[in-house]
Amino acid sequence: MQNISCDQASLLRELHGFRGGVIDTSTLIYLERLGMLSRTARCFTLLLIPQVVAEYGAQPEDVVLEAATCSGTTDETLCQTAHALGQPVLSEDKQVLRRARALNICFYNTLMIVLALCAQGYLPLNIFPELRVKLYAFSRYSPGVFAVGDAVYDALLRQMQANWR
């Protein structure tokens, strides 16, 4: 999700083209709490730096360990590695997302990753509302973030209905 104000059409294109990225501890935890980590790791390439493995406490199955491209804090290393690899940052952490934005790196949160799974047919679209309710219960997303997710979900529904005609 490059930024909240981006238009729906370009965000939908991004989600249809989403292939994965360098994942942060926060997104691993969110995907695990949703019961979606394994599916996400099988559908997309999730790259993990050693510092995130240490924070998370394990290397989840189907997640690819990637050598860090620099040293520094976990947040710095995550963003620098994503930048060096030309990959998006996957995080829920505002500081990480600010750092990614400063480096002009594309970034996505769990809400957008779930929508990417739906957009690409890896997850039935009718499952999204249930996952959104779960995310709402534990995430720290602002109402604006949920509003963007809801707008994208509505656009995906319209796309699906148009394809049925």
C-alpha atoms as a PDB file:
ATOM      1  CA  MET A   1       0.000   0.000   0.000  1.00  0.00           C
ATOM      2  CA  GLN A   2       2.092   2.877  -1.254  1.00  0.00           C
ATOM      3  CA  ASN A   3      -0.071   5.435   0.475  1.00  0.00           C
ATOM      4  CA  ILE A   4      -3.618   5.817   1.768  1.00  0.00           C
ATOM      5  CA  SER A   5      -4.621   8.472  -0.777  1.00  0.00           C
ATOM      6  CA  CYS A   6      -3.709   6.417  -3.842  1.00  0.00           C
ATOM      7  CA  ASP A   7      -6.556   5.732  -6.206  1.00  0.00           C
ATOM      8  CA  GLN A   8      -8.394   2.420  -6.051  1.00  0.00           C
ATOM      9  CA  ALA A   9      -7.541   1.395  -9.609  1.00  0.00           C
ATOM     10  CA  SER A  10      -3.781   1.559  -9.033  1.00  0.00           C
ATOM     11  CA  LEU A  11      -4.104  -0.127  -5.639  1.00  0.00           C
ATOM     12  CA  LEU A  12      -6.107  -2.943  -7.244  1.00  0.00           C
ATOM     13  CA  ARG A  13      -3.398  -3.327  -9.907  1.00  0.00           C
ATOM     14  CA  GLU A  14      -0.777  -3.503  -7.152  1.00  0.00           C
ATOM     15  CA  LEU A  15      -2.723  -6.188  -5.298  1.00  0.00           C
ATOM     16  CA  HIS A  16      -3.210  -8.239  -8.463  1.00  0.00           C
ATOM     17  CA  GLY A  17       0.568  -8.017  -9.045  1.00  0.00           C
ATOM     18  CA  PHE A  18       1.639  -8.523  -5.431  1.00  0.00           C
ATOM     19  CA  ARG A  19       4.210 -11.329  -5.119  1.00  0.00           C
ATOM     20  CA  GLY A  20       5.535 -10.880  -1.570  1.00  0.00           C
ATOM     21  CA  GLY A  21       8.244  -8.923   0.187  1.00  0.00           C
ATOM     22  CA  VAL A  22      10.505  -8.628   3.205  1.00  0.00           C
ATOM     23  CA  ILE A  23       8.311  -9.338   6.217  1.00  0.00           C
ATOM     24  CA  ASP A  24       8.482  -7.803   9.674  1.00  0.00           C
ATOM     25  CA  THR A  25       7.744  -9.511  12.997  1.00  0.00           C
ATOM     26  CA  SER A  26       4.483  -7.583  13.368  1.00  0.00           C
ATOM     27  CA  THR A  27       3.070  -8.906  10.099  1.00  0.00           C
ATOM     28  CA  LEU A  28       4.151 -12.463  10.920  1.00  0.00           C
ATOM     29  CA  ILE A  29       2.238 -12.158  14.195  1.00  0.00           C
ATOM     30  CA  TYR A  30      -0.854 -10.649  12.557  1.00  0.00           C
ATOM     31  CA  LEU A  31      -0.959 -13.310   9.834  1.00  0.00           C
ATOM     32  CA  GLU A  32      -0.480 -16.035  12.451  1.00  0.00           C
ATOM     33  CA  ARG A  33      -3.297 -14.645  14.613  1.00  0.00           C
ATOM     34  CA  LEU A  34      -5.569 -14.688  11.554  1.00  0.00           C
ATOM     35  CA  GLY A  35      -4.571 -18.277  10.772  1.00  0.00           C
ATOM     36  CA  MET A  36      -3.263 -17.041   7.400  1.00  0.00           C
ATOM     37  CA  LEU A  37       0.530 -17.246   7.763  1.00  0.00           C
ATOM     38  CA  SER A  38       0.934 -20.674   6.202  1.00  0.00           C
ATOM     39  CA  ARG A  39      -1.372 -19.902   3.257  1.00  0.00           C
ATOM     40  CA  THR A  40       0.286 -16.547   2.658  1.00  0.00           C
ATOM     41  CA  ALA A  41       3.762 -18.117   2.713  1.00  0.00           C
ATOM     42  CA  ARG A  42       2.644 -20.743   0.176  1.00  0.00           C
ATOM     43  CA  CYS A  43       1.075 -18.153  -2.148  1.00  0.00           C
ATOM     44  CA  PHE A  44       3.648 -15.360  -1.948  1.00  0.00           C
ATOM     45  CA  THR A  45       7.389 -15.132  -1.360  1.00  0.00           C
ATOM     46  CA  LEU A  46       7.904 -13.967   2.208  1.00  0.00           C
ATOM     47  CA  LEU A  47      11.524 -13.028   2.862  1.00  0.00           C
ATOM     48  CA  LEU A  48      12.774 -13.000   6.431  1.00  0.00           C
ATOM     49  CA  ILE A  49      15.937 -11.413   7.801  1.00  0.00           C
ATOM     50  CA  PRO A  50      17.789 -13.052  10.714  1.00  0.00           C
ATOM     51  CA  GLN A  51      16.841 -10.232  13.134  1.00  0.00           C
ATOM     52  CA  VAL A  52      13.141 -10.913  12.520  1.00  0.00           C
ATOM     53  CA  VAL A  53      13.680 -14.649  13.082  1.00  0.00           C
ATOM     54  CA  ALA A  54      15.260 -13.747  16.442  1.00  0.00           C
ATOM     55  CA  GLU A  55      12.356 -11.434  17.376  1.00  0.00           C
ATOM     56  CA  TYR A  56       9.694 -13.881  16.225  1.00  0.00           C
ATOM     57  CA  GLY A  57      11.465 -16.853  17.803  1.00  0.00           C
ATOM     58  CA  ALA A  58      11.348 -19.164  14.783  1.00  0.00           C
ATOM     59  CA  GLN A  59      11.504 -19.378  11.021  1.00  0.00           C
ATOM     60  CA  PRO A  60       7.977 -20.260   9.893  1.00  0.00           C
ATOM     61  CA  GLU A  61       7.575 -22.979   7.289  1.00  0.00           C
ATOM     62  CA  ASP A  62       7.710 -21.799   3.655  1.00  0.00           C
ATOM     63  CA  VAL A  63       9.202 -18.416   4.653  1.00  0.00           C
ATOM     64  CA  VAL A  64      12.553 -17.750   2.974  1.00  0.00           C
ATOM     65  CA  LEU A  65      15.519 -16.684   5.107  1.00  0.00           C
ATOM     66  CA  GLU A  66      17.399 -13.839   3.424  1.00  0.00           C
ATOM     67  CA  ALA A  67      20.775 -12.512   4.542  1.00  0.00           C
ATOM     68  CA  ALA A  68      20.618  -8.948   5.815  1.00  0.00           C
ATOM     69  CA  THR A  69      22.287  -6.447   3.503  1.00  0.00           C
ATOM     70  CA  CYS A  70      23.466  -4.147   6.306  1.00  0.00           C
ATOM     71  CA  SER A  71      23.731  -3.890  10.046  1.00  0.00           C
ATOM     72  CA  GLY A  72      21.703  -1.673  12.336  1.00  0.00           C
ATOM     73  CA  THR A  73      18.396  -1.885  14.111  1.00  0.00           C
ATOM     74  CA  THR A  74      15.930  -4.493  12.903  1.00  0.00           C
ATOM     75  CA  ASP A  75      13.797  -1.755  11.329  1.00  0.00           C
ATOM     76  CA  GLU A  76      16.757  -0.228   9.480  1.00  0.00           C
ATOM     77  CA  THR A  77      18.001  -3.611   8.322  1.00  0.00           C
ATOM     78  CA  LEU A  78      14.541  -4.703   7.176  1.00  0.00           C
ATOM     79  CA  CYS A  79      14.064  -1.596   5.037  1.00  0.00           C
ATOM     80  CA  GLN A  80      17.614  -1.569   3.678  1.00  0.00           C
ATOM     81  CA  THR A  81      17.360  -5.250   2.749  1.00  0.00           C
ATOM     82  CA  ALA A  82      14.009  -4.688   1.019  1.00  0.00           C
ATOM     83  CA  HIS A  83      15.517  -1.724  -0.835  1.00  0.00           C
ATOM     84  CA  ALA A  84      18.598  -3.705  -1.905  1.00  0.00           C
ATOM     85  CA  LEU A  85      16.429  -6.606  -3.114  1.00  0.00           C
ATOM     86  CA  GLY A  86      13.859  -4.376  -4.822  1.00  0.00           C
ATOM     87  CA  GLN A  87      11.124  -5.887  -2.654  1.00  0.00           C
ATOM     88  CA  PRO A  88       8.226  -4.314  -0.750  1.00  0.00           C
ATOM     89  CA  VAL A  89       8.222  -4.061   3.035  1.00  0.00           C
ATOM     90  CA  LEU A  90       5.493  -6.018   4.831  1.00  0.00           C
ATOM     91  CA  SER A  91       4.833  -4.447   8.219  1.00  0.00           C
ATOM     92  CA  GLU A  92       2.287  -3.043  10.642  1.00  0.00           C
ATOM     93  CA  ASP A  93       4.823  -0.807  12.410  1.00  0.00           C
ATOM     94  CA  LYS A  94       4.403   2.914  11.670  1.00  0.00           C
ATOM     95  CA  GLN A  95       8.122   3.580  12.171  1.00  0.00           C
ATOM     96  CA  VAL A  96       9.020   0.871   9.654  1.00  0.00           C
ATOM     97  CA  LEU A  97       6.453   2.182   7.177  1.00  0.00           C
ATOM     98  CA  ARG A  98       7.772   5.746   7.561  1.00  0.00           C
ATOM     99  CA  ARG A  99      11.296   4.494   6.931  1.00  0.00           C
ATOM    100  CA  ALA A 100      10.086   2.560   3.853  1.00  0.00           C
ATOM    101  CA  ARG A 101       8.303   5.651   2.549  1.00  0.00           C
ATOM    102  CA  ALA A 102      11.477   7.732   3.052  1.00  0.00           C
ATOM    103  CA  LEU A 103      13.391   5.168   0.962  1.00  0.00           C
ATOM    104  CA  ASN A 104      10.589   5.153  -1.642  1.00  0.00           C
ATOM    105  CA  ILE A 105       9.905   1.454  -0.983  1.00  0.00           C
ATOM    106  CA  CYS A 106       6.446   0.034  -1.569  1.00  0.00           C
ATOM    107  CA  PHE A 107       4.851  -1.369   1.595  1.00  0.00           C
ATOM    108  CA  TYR A 108       1.837  -3.433   2.587  1.00  0.00           C
ATOM    109  CA  ASN A 109       0.118  -4.317   5.837  1.00  0.00           C
ATOM    110  CA  THR A 110      -1.758  -7.512   6.672  1.00  0.00           C
ATOM    111  CA  LEU A 111      -5.092  -6.047   5.568  1.00  0.00           C
ATOM    112  CA  MET A 112      -3.710  -5.446   2.072  1.00  0.00           C
ATOM    113  CA  ILE A 113      -1.978  -8.841   1.990  1.00  0.00           C
ATOM    114  CA  VAL A 114      -5.310 -10.542   2.728  1.00  0.00           C
ATOM    115  CA  LEU A 115      -6.931  -8.477  -0.021  1.00  0.00           C
ATOM    116  CA  ALA A 116      -4.106  -9.508  -2.388  1.00  0.00           C
ATOM    117  CA  LEU A 117      -4.854 -13.154  -1.568  1.00  0.00           C
ATOM    118  CA  CYS A 118      -8.506 -12.479  -2.480  1.00  0.00           C
ATOM    119  CA  ALA A 119      -7.661 -10.475  -5.611  1.00  0.00           C
ATOM    120  CA  GLN A 120      -5.478 -13.292  -6.934  1.00  0.00           C
ATOM    121  CA  GLY A 121      -7.974 -16.050  -6.147  1.00  0.00           C
ATOM    122  CA  TYR A 122      -5.949 -17.660  -3.356  1.00  0.00           C
ATOM    123  CA  LEU A 123      -8.694 -16.857  -0.848  1.00  0.00           C
ATOM    124  CA  PRO A 124     -12.430 -16.649  -1.505  1.00  0.00           C
ATOM    125  CA  LEU A 125     -13.586 -13.044  -1.362  1.00  0.00           C
ATOM    126  CA  ASN A 126     -16.472 -13.962   0.951  1.00  0.00           C
ATOM    127  CA  ILE A 127     -13.905 -14.869   3.676  1.00  0.00           C
ATOM    128  CA  PHE A 128     -12.600 -11.288   3.842  1.00  0.00           C
ATOM    129  CA  PRO A 129     -15.345  -9.838   6.131  1.00  0.00           C
ATOM    130  CA  GLU A 130     -14.628 -12.473   8.796  1.00  0.00           C
ATOM    131  CA  LEU A 131     -10.877 -11.809   8.647  1.00  0.00           C
ATOM    132  CA  ARG A 132     -11.509  -8.055   8.770  1.00  0.00           C
ATOM    133  CA  VAL A 133     -13.529  -8.485  11.988  1.00  0.00           C
ATOM    134  CA  LYS A 134     -10.661 -10.485  13.514  1.00  0.00           C
ATOM    135  CA  LEU A 135      -8.123  -7.856  12.439  1.00  0.00           C
ATOM    136  CA  TYR A 136     -10.310  -5.100  13.852  1.00  0.00           C
ATOM    137  CA  ALA A 137     -10.319  -6.877  17.220  1.00  0.00           C
ATOM    138  CA  PHE A 138      -6.542  -6.917  17.664  1.00  0.00           C
ATOM    139  CA  SER A 139      -4.894  -4.589  15.155  1.00  0.00           C
ATOM    140  CA  ARG A 140      -3.921  -1.010  15.759  1.00  0.00           C
ATOM    141  CA  TYR A 141      -5.148   0.244  12.388  1.00  0.00           C
ATOM    142  CA  SER A 142      -6.699   3.657  12.157  1.00  0.00           C
ATOM    143  CA  PRO A 143     -10.250   4.032  10.812  1.00  0.00           C
ATOM    144  CA  GLY A 144      -8.651   5.409   7.627  1.00  0.00           C
ATOM    145  CA  VAL A 145      -6.706   2.199   7.024  1.00  0.00           C
ATOM    146  CA  PHE A 146      -9.869   0.146   7.424  1.00  0.00           C
ATOM    147  CA  ALA A 147     -11.717   2.555   5.110  1.00  0.00           C
ATOM    148  CA  VAL A 148      -9.137   1.954   2.367  1.00  0.00           C
ATOM    149  CA  GLY A 149      -9.424  -1.807   2.892  1.00  0.00           C
ATOM    150  CA  ASP A 150     -13.222  -1.623   2.727  1.00  0.00           C
ATOM    151  CA  ALA A 151     -13.087   0.430  -0.473  1.00  0.00           C
ATOM    152  CA  VAL A 152     -10.704  -2.098  -2.058  1.00  0.00           C
ATOM    153  CA  TYR A 153     -12.948  -4.976  -0.960  1.00  0.00           C
ATOM    154  CA  ASP A 154     -15.967  -3.231  -2.527  1.00  0.00           C
ATOM    155  CA  ALA A 155     -13.993  -2.696  -5.746  1.00  0.00           C
ATOM    156  CA  LEU A 156     -13.009  -6.378  -5.799  1.00  0.00           C
ATOM    157  CA  LEU A 157     -16.668  -7.339  -5.331  1.00  0.00           C
ATOM    158  CA  ARG A 158     -17.620  -5.096  -8.273  1.00  0.00           C
ATOM    159  CA  GLN A 159     -14.858  -6.678 -10.399  1.00  0.00           C
ATOM    160  CA  MET A 160     -16.082 -10.162  -9.535  1.00  0.00           C
ATOM    161  CA  GLN A 161     -19.696  -9.244 -10.345  1.00  0.00           C
ATOM    162  CA  ALA A 162     -18.626  -7.715 -13.649  1.00  0.00           C
ATOM    163  CA  ASN A 163     -16.755 -10.929 -14.526  1.00  0.00           C
ATOM    164  CA  TRP A 164     -19.912 -12.981 -13.881  1.00  0.00           C
ATOM    165  CA  ARG A 165     -21.889 -11.022 -16.464  1.00  0.00           C
END
